[in-house]
Amino acid sequence: MDQWGHAETLEQLTAHYEALSTTDGTFVRRATNALTMMPAFAIWQYERLLKENRLARLLFERSTPLYLADARLVRELLESPQIHVQALGFRVLATRDPRAGPMAAQMIDVLAPTLLRPLHRRTRLMAFQAIEQACLADETAARVLVGKMKLTFALPDRKYPREELVGLLGRVLGKWPSLRGPREAPRVFSRAVEGRG
């Protein structure tokens, strides 16, 4: 029994947010404002929260593409002290939407430090996806981020997902060959034809 009336309040809040306009940016502004007010350790069991809280599902999962309407608000998500709100920002920038790449490229000052700071694997892989979008959209952004990627190989963290990072780096260098170092240029070996040479 919900003696405090929390369930009823959540239903009312969810209905309120669902009724907000998504065409003029009202929903995104209000949702971002609510999310970025959350303190750093406000969420302990994220999966359970999504399962039990309809408002959380609306703000964190169901509305991801809507945040692409305003780059300033996506930056606010990335700069939030709450890691799950930051992860939402990564997911927004990782979406396969033509707006995501250029927007991510504008935020390399926020994305680059995620390569070197401590993060859980799942969150780091989300950040990798946002970084990839930035790199593939803009060569200048890629140049900055490739340099940061290479620095991570010196990190002592044995749990760092280096294989995924190598894959990311390879895709970026494949897109922008001018960023390859001398040892990163592809080598083509051909088998000697019998009877020649």
C-alpha atoms as a PDB file:
ATOM      1  CA  MET A   1       0.000   0.000   0.000  1.00  0.00           C
ATOM      2  CA  ASP A   2       1.348   3.422  -0.946  1.00  0.00           C
ATOM      3  CA  GLN A   3       0.518   5.298   2.264  1.00  0.00           C
ATOM      4  CA  TRP A   4       2.409   8.387   1.111  1.00  0.00           C
ATOM      5  CA  GLY A   5       0.550   8.774  -2.168  1.00  0.00           C
ATOM      6  CA  HIS A   6       3.722   8.495  -4.231  1.00  0.00           C
ATOM      7  CA  ALA A   7       2.117   6.372  -6.940  1.00  0.00           C
ATOM      8  CA  GLU A   8      -0.670   8.858  -7.476  1.00  0.00           C
ATOM      9  CA  THR A   9       1.785  11.760  -7.595  1.00  0.00           C
ATOM     10  CA  LEU A  10       3.944   9.940 -10.142  1.00  0.00           C
ATOM     11  CA  GLU A  11       0.935   9.243 -12.333  1.00  0.00           C
ATOM     12  CA  GLN A  12      -0.049  12.910 -12.211  1.00  0.00           C
ATOM     13  CA  LEU A  13       3.486  14.036 -13.052  1.00  0.00           C
ATOM     14  CA  THR A  14       3.748  11.539 -15.896  1.00  0.00           C
ATOM     15  CA  ALA A  15       0.441  12.706 -17.337  1.00  0.00           C
ATOM     16  CA  HIS A  16       1.624  16.310 -17.010  1.00  0.00           C
ATOM     17  CA  TYR A  17       4.864  15.648 -18.933  1.00  0.00           C
ATOM     18  CA  GLU A  18       3.096  13.569 -21.564  1.00  0.00           C
ATOM     19  CA  ALA A  19       0.760  16.488 -22.215  1.00  0.00           C
ATOM     20  CA  LEU A  20       3.608  18.953 -22.815  1.00  0.00           C
ATOM     21  CA  SER A  21       4.209  20.012 -26.400  1.00  0.00           C
ATOM     22  CA  THR A  22       7.063  18.264 -28.187  1.00  0.00           C
ATOM     23  CA  THR A  23       6.901  20.532 -31.223  1.00  0.00           C
ATOM     24  CA  ASP A  24       7.869  23.822 -29.581  1.00  0.00           C
ATOM     25  CA  GLY A  25      10.522  22.375 -27.258  1.00  0.00           C
ATOM     26  CA  THR A  26       8.468  22.712 -24.078  1.00  0.00           C
ATOM     27  CA  PHE A  27       8.757  19.037 -23.169  1.00  0.00           C
ATOM     28  CA  VAL A  28      12.516  18.925 -23.713  1.00  0.00           C
ATOM     29  CA  ARG A  29      13.129  22.101 -21.703  1.00  0.00           C
ATOM     30  CA  ARG A  30      11.038  20.933 -18.766  1.00  0.00           C
ATOM     31  CA  ALA A  31      12.417  17.404 -18.847  1.00  0.00           C
ATOM     32  CA  THR A  32      16.022  18.603 -18.998  1.00  0.00           C
ATOM     33  CA  ASN A  33      15.422  21.030 -16.169  1.00  0.00           C
ATOM     34  CA  ALA A  34      14.038  18.239 -13.990  1.00  0.00           C
ATOM     35  CA  LEU A  35      16.792  15.769 -14.858  1.00  0.00           C
ATOM     36  CA  THR A  36      19.695  18.159 -14.347  1.00  0.00           C
ATOM     37  CA  MET A  37      18.487  19.060 -10.851  1.00  0.00           C
ATOM     38  CA  MET A  38      19.121  15.488  -9.706  1.00  0.00           C
ATOM     39  CA  PRO A  39      22.160  15.154  -7.412  1.00  0.00           C
ATOM     40  CA  ALA A  40      25.022  12.808  -8.193  1.00  0.00           C
ATOM     41  CA  PHE A  41      23.899   9.701  -6.305  1.00  0.00           C
ATOM     42  CA  ALA A  42      20.132  10.098  -6.526  1.00  0.00           C
ATOM     43  CA  ILE A  43      19.681   6.857  -8.510  1.00  0.00           C
ATOM     44  CA  TRP A  44      21.000   3.566  -7.162  1.00  0.00           C
ATOM     45  CA  GLN A  45      19.034   0.934  -9.069  1.00  0.00           C
ATOM     46  CA  TYR A  46      18.501   2.329 -12.548  1.00  0.00           C
ATOM     47  CA  GLU A  47      16.986  -0.797 -14.119  1.00  0.00           C
ATOM     48  CA  ARG A  48      14.536  -1.173 -11.266  1.00  0.00           C
ATOM     49  CA  LEU A  49      13.648   2.509 -11.509  1.00  0.00           C
ATOM     50  CA  LEU A  50      12.788   2.111 -15.199  1.00  0.00           C
ATOM     51  CA  LYS A  51      10.756  -0.989 -14.497  1.00  0.00           C
ATOM     52  CA  GLU A  52       8.695   0.544 -11.701  1.00  0.00           C
ATOM     53  CA  ASN A  53       8.527   4.244 -12.574  1.00  0.00           C
ATOM     54  CA  ARG A  54       6.610   5.362 -15.668  1.00  0.00           C
ATOM     55  CA  LEU A  55       7.890   8.929 -15.386  1.00  0.00           C
ATOM     56  CA  ALA A  56      11.503   7.714 -15.392  1.00  0.00           C
ATOM     57  CA  ARG A  57      10.814   5.637 -18.515  1.00  0.00           C
ATOM     58  CA  LEU A  58       9.334   8.686 -20.210  1.00  0.00           C
ATOM     59  CA  LEU A  59      12.242  10.996 -19.374  1.00  0.00           C
ATOM     60  CA  PHE A  60      15.135   8.552 -19.772  1.00  0.00           C
ATOM     61  CA  GLU A  61      14.049   6.106 -22.457  1.00  0.00           C
ATOM     62  CA  ARG A  62      10.936   6.971 -24.441  1.00  0.00           C
ATOM     63  CA  SER A  63      11.939  10.515 -25.400  1.00  0.00           C
ATOM     64  CA  THR A  64      15.589  10.139 -26.417  1.00  0.00           C
ATOM     65  CA  PRO A  65      15.287  11.563 -29.977  1.00  0.00           C
ATOM     66  CA  LEU A  66      13.344  14.594 -28.757  1.00  0.00           C
ATOM     67  CA  TYR A  67      16.397  15.982 -26.953  1.00  0.00           C
ATOM     68  CA  LEU A  68      18.133  16.481 -30.310  1.00  0.00           C
ATOM     69  CA  ALA A  69      15.928  19.529 -30.808  1.00  0.00           C
ATOM     70  CA  ASP A  70      18.210  21.660 -28.624  1.00  0.00           C
ATOM     71  CA  ALA A  71      22.004  21.311 -28.470  1.00  0.00           C
ATOM     72  CA  ARG A  72      22.237  23.555 -25.414  1.00  0.00           C
ATOM     73  CA  LEU A  73      19.993  21.218 -23.445  1.00  0.00           C
ATOM     74  CA  VAL A  74      21.936  18.137 -24.552  1.00  0.00           C
ATOM     75  CA  ARG A  75      25.078  19.825 -23.229  1.00  0.00           C
ATOM     76  CA  GLU A  76      23.287  20.337 -19.914  1.00  0.00           C
ATOM     77  CA  LEU A  77      22.557  16.607 -19.785  1.00  0.00           C
ATOM     78  CA  LEU A  78      26.226  15.806 -20.413  1.00  0.00           C
ATOM     79  CA  GLU A  79      27.332  18.220 -17.693  1.00  0.00           C
ATOM     80  CA  SER A  80      24.890  16.882 -15.096  1.00  0.00           C
ATOM     81  CA  PRO A  81      26.375  15.526 -11.846  1.00  0.00           C
ATOM     82  CA  GLN A  82      24.062  12.484 -12.169  1.00  0.00           C
ATOM     83  CA  ILE A  83      25.754   9.745 -14.216  1.00  0.00           C
ATOM     84  CA  HIS A  84      22.494   8.328 -15.602  1.00  0.00           C
ATOM     85  CA  VAL A  85      21.581  11.766 -16.902  1.00  0.00           C
ATOM     86  CA  GLN A  86      25.016  11.994 -18.540  1.00  0.00           C
ATOM     87  CA  ALA A  87      24.406   8.562 -20.075  1.00  0.00           C
ATOM     88  CA  LEU A  88      21.153   9.880 -21.515  1.00  0.00           C
ATOM     89  CA  GLY A  89      23.172  12.642 -23.175  1.00  0.00           C
ATOM     90  CA  PHE A  90      25.513  10.034 -24.663  1.00  0.00           C
ATOM     91  CA  ARG A  91      22.568   8.026 -26.003  1.00  0.00           C
ATOM     92  CA  VAL A  92      21.026  11.141 -27.521  1.00  0.00           C
ATOM     93  CA  LEU A  93      24.245  11.899 -29.407  1.00  0.00           C
ATOM     94  CA  ALA A  94      24.648   8.262 -30.449  1.00  0.00           C
ATOM     95  CA  THR A  95      21.259   8.049 -32.183  1.00  0.00           C
ATOM     96  CA  ARG A  96      21.237   7.405 -35.934  1.00  0.00           C
ATOM     97  CA  ASP A  97      19.801  10.812 -36.653  1.00  0.00           C
ATOM     98  CA  PRO A  98      21.470  13.272 -39.057  1.00  0.00           C
ATOM     99  CA  ARG A  99      21.437  15.926 -36.319  1.00  0.00           C
ATOM    100  CA  ALA A 100      23.372  13.821 -33.824  1.00  0.00           C
ATOM    101  CA  GLY A 101      26.837  13.817 -35.444  1.00  0.00           C
ATOM    102  CA  PRO A 102      27.194  17.579 -35.971  1.00  0.00           C
ATOM    103  CA  MET A 103      25.794  18.189 -32.497  1.00  0.00           C
ATOM    104  CA  ALA A 104      28.262  15.752 -30.951  1.00  0.00           C
ATOM    105  CA  ALA A 105      31.109  17.476 -32.825  1.00  0.00           C
ATOM    106  CA  GLN A 106      30.193  20.725 -31.074  1.00  0.00           C
ATOM    107  CA  MET A 107      30.633  19.025 -27.693  1.00  0.00           C
ATOM    108  CA  ILE A 108      34.096  17.541 -27.905  1.00  0.00           C
ATOM    109  CA  ASP A 109      35.141  19.618 -24.892  1.00  0.00           C
ATOM    110  CA  VAL A 110      32.688  17.529 -22.851  1.00  0.00           C
ATOM    111  CA  LEU A 111      33.135  14.227 -24.694  1.00  0.00           C
ATOM    112  CA  ALA A 112      36.945  14.118 -24.774  1.00  0.00           C
ATOM    113  CA  PRO A 113      37.397  13.859 -20.967  1.00  0.00           C
ATOM    114  CA  THR A 114      35.126  10.803 -20.867  1.00  0.00           C
ATOM    115  CA  LEU A 115      37.911   8.824 -22.548  1.00  0.00           C
ATOM    116  CA  LEU A 116      40.188   9.306 -19.542  1.00  0.00           C
ATOM    117  CA  ARG A 117      37.859   9.558 -16.544  1.00  0.00           C
ATOM    118  CA  PRO A 118      36.639   6.534 -14.547  1.00  0.00           C
ATOM    119  CA  LEU A 119      33.364   5.158 -15.920  1.00  0.00           C
ATOM    120  CA  HIS A 120      31.498   1.876 -15.727  1.00  0.00           C
ATOM    121  CA  ARG A 121      31.945  -0.185 -18.876  1.00  0.00           C
ATOM    122  CA  ARG A 122      28.354   0.219 -20.048  1.00  0.00           C
ATOM    123  CA  THR A 123      28.481   4.003 -19.667  1.00  0.00           C
ATOM    124  CA  ARG A 124      31.880   4.198 -21.359  1.00  0.00           C
ATOM    125  CA  LEU A 125      30.591   2.286 -24.375  1.00  0.00           C
ATOM    126  CA  MET A 126      27.723   4.762 -24.644  1.00  0.00           C
ATOM    127  CA  ALA A 127      30.282   7.565 -24.553  1.00  0.00           C
ATOM    128  CA  PHE A 128      32.265   5.774 -27.290  1.00  0.00           C
ATOM    129  CA  GLN A 129      29.165   5.825 -29.507  1.00  0.00           C
ATOM    130  CA  ALA A 130      28.712   9.562 -29.005  1.00  0.00           C
ATOM    131  CA  ILE A 131      32.417  10.129 -29.681  1.00  0.00           C
ATOM    132  CA  GLU A 132      32.186   8.095 -32.880  1.00  0.00           C
ATOM    133  CA  GLN A 133      29.304  10.243 -34.091  1.00  0.00           C
ATOM    134  CA  ALA A 134      31.371  13.384 -33.440  1.00  0.00           C
ATOM    135  CA  CYS A 135      34.422  11.972 -35.217  1.00  0.00           C
ATOM    136  CA  LEU A 136      32.579  10.755 -38.293  1.00  0.00           C
ATOM    137  CA  ALA A 137      30.753  14.058 -38.665  1.00  0.00           C
ATOM    138  CA  ASP A 138      33.714  16.434 -38.428  1.00  0.00           C
ATOM    139  CA  GLU A 139      37.417  15.992 -39.216  1.00  0.00           C
ATOM    140  CA  THR A 140      38.519  18.722 -36.803  1.00  0.00           C
ATOM    141  CA  ALA A 141      36.633  17.065 -33.962  1.00  0.00           C
ATOM    142  CA  ALA A 142      38.088  13.722 -35.005  1.00  0.00           C
ATOM    143  CA  ARG A 143      41.622  15.127 -34.883  1.00  0.00           C
ATOM    144  CA  VAL A 144      41.160  16.214 -31.270  1.00  0.00           C
ATOM    145  CA  LEU A 145      39.448  13.023 -30.187  1.00  0.00           C
ATOM    146  CA  VAL A 146      41.886  10.683 -31.941  1.00  0.00           C
ATOM    147  CA  GLY A 147      44.700  12.265 -29.936  1.00  0.00           C
ATOM    148  CA  LYS A 148      42.776  11.627 -26.713  1.00  0.00           C
ATOM    149  CA  MET A 149      41.984   8.055 -27.766  1.00  0.00           C
ATOM    150  CA  LYS A 150      45.659   7.280 -28.222  1.00  0.00           C
ATOM    151  CA  LEU A 151      46.436   8.590 -24.737  1.00  0.00           C
ATOM    152  CA  THR A 152      44.084   6.061 -23.184  1.00  0.00           C
ATOM    153  CA  PHE A 153      46.307   3.155 -24.149  1.00  0.00           C
ATOM    154  CA  ALA A 154      48.714   4.269 -21.412  1.00  0.00           C
ATOM    155  CA  LEU A 155      46.039   4.015 -18.711  1.00  0.00           C
ATOM    156  CA  PRO A 156      46.709   1.326 -16.079  1.00  0.00           C
ATOM    157  CA  ASP A 157      43.013   0.339 -15.907  1.00  0.00           C
ATOM    158  CA  ARG A 158      42.940  -3.337 -16.912  1.00  0.00           C
ATOM    159  CA  LYS A 159      39.166  -3.245 -17.322  1.00  0.00           C
ATOM    160  CA  TYR A 160      39.260  -0.452 -19.876  1.00  0.00           C
ATOM    161  CA  PRO A 161      37.502  -1.734 -23.047  1.00  0.00           C
ATOM    162  CA  ARG A 162      40.563  -1.420 -25.266  1.00  0.00           C
ATOM    163  CA  GLU A 163      39.289  -3.752 -27.983  1.00  0.00           C
ATOM    164  CA  GLU A 164      36.232  -1.558 -28.457  1.00  0.00           C
ATOM    165  CA  LEU A 165      38.472   1.509 -28.432  1.00  0.00           C
ATOM    166  CA  VAL A 166      40.707  -0.009 -31.117  1.00  0.00           C
ATOM    167  CA  GLY A 167      37.615  -0.673 -33.228  1.00  0.00           C
ATOM    168  CA  LEU A 168      36.437   2.897 -32.730  1.00  0.00           C
ATOM    169  CA  LEU A 169      39.864   4.294 -33.612  1.00  0.00           C
ATOM    170  CA  GLY A 170      40.019   2.110 -36.712  1.00  0.00           C
ATOM    171  CA  ARG A 171      36.644   3.323 -37.968  1.00  0.00           C
ATOM    172  CA  VAL A 172      37.618   6.948 -37.434  1.00  0.00           C
ATOM    173  CA  LEU A 173      40.974   6.549 -39.180  1.00  0.00           C
ATOM    174  CA  GLY A 174      39.189   4.744 -41.996  1.00  0.00           C
ATOM    175  CA  LYS A 175      36.941   7.754 -42.419  1.00  0.00           C
ATOM    176  CA  TRP A 176      39.772  10.322 -42.181  1.00  0.00           C
ATOM    177  CA  PRO A 177      43.007   8.839 -43.647  1.00  0.00           C
ATOM    178  CA  SER A 178      44.803  12.161 -43.114  1.00  0.00           C
ATOM    179  CA  LEU A 179      44.761  11.479 -39.355  1.00  0.00           C
ATOM    180  CA  ARG A 180      46.742   8.258 -39.660  1.00  0.00           C
ATOM    181  CA  GLY A 181      50.240   8.147 -38.250  1.00  0.00           C
ATOM    182  CA  PRO A 182      53.147   6.563 -40.140  1.00  0.00           C
ATOM    183  CA  ARG A 183      52.530   3.190 -38.510  1.00  0.00           C
ATOM    184  CA  GLU A 184      48.769   3.316 -39.093  1.00  0.00           C
ATOM    185  CA  ALA A 185      48.779   3.353 -42.890  1.00  0.00           C
ATOM    186  CA  PRO A 186      47.440   0.066 -44.281  1.00  0.00           C
ATOM    187  CA  ARG A 187      50.027  -2.271 -45.789  1.00  0.00           C
ATOM    188  CA  VAL A 188      49.180  -4.407 -48.772  1.00  0.00           C
ATOM    189  CA  PHE A 189      51.222  -7.549 -49.223  1.00  0.00           C
ATOM    190  CA  SER A 190      51.061  -9.539 -52.436  1.00  0.00           C
ATOM    191  CA  ARG A 191      52.176 -13.101 -52.878  1.00  0.00           C
ATOM    192  CA  ALA A 192      54.980 -13.486 -55.413  1.00  0.00           C
ATOM    193  CA  VAL A 193      53.765 -15.107 -58.612  1.00  0.00           C
ATOM    194  CA  GLU A 194      55.498 -18.428 -59.179  1.00  0.00           C
ATOM    195  CA  GLY A 195      58.123 -18.277 -61.894  1.00  0.00           C
ATOM    196  CA  ARG A 196      58.640 -14.531 -61.570  1.00  0.00           C
ATOM    197  CA  GLY A 197      61.145 -12.434 -59.726  1.00  0.00           C
END
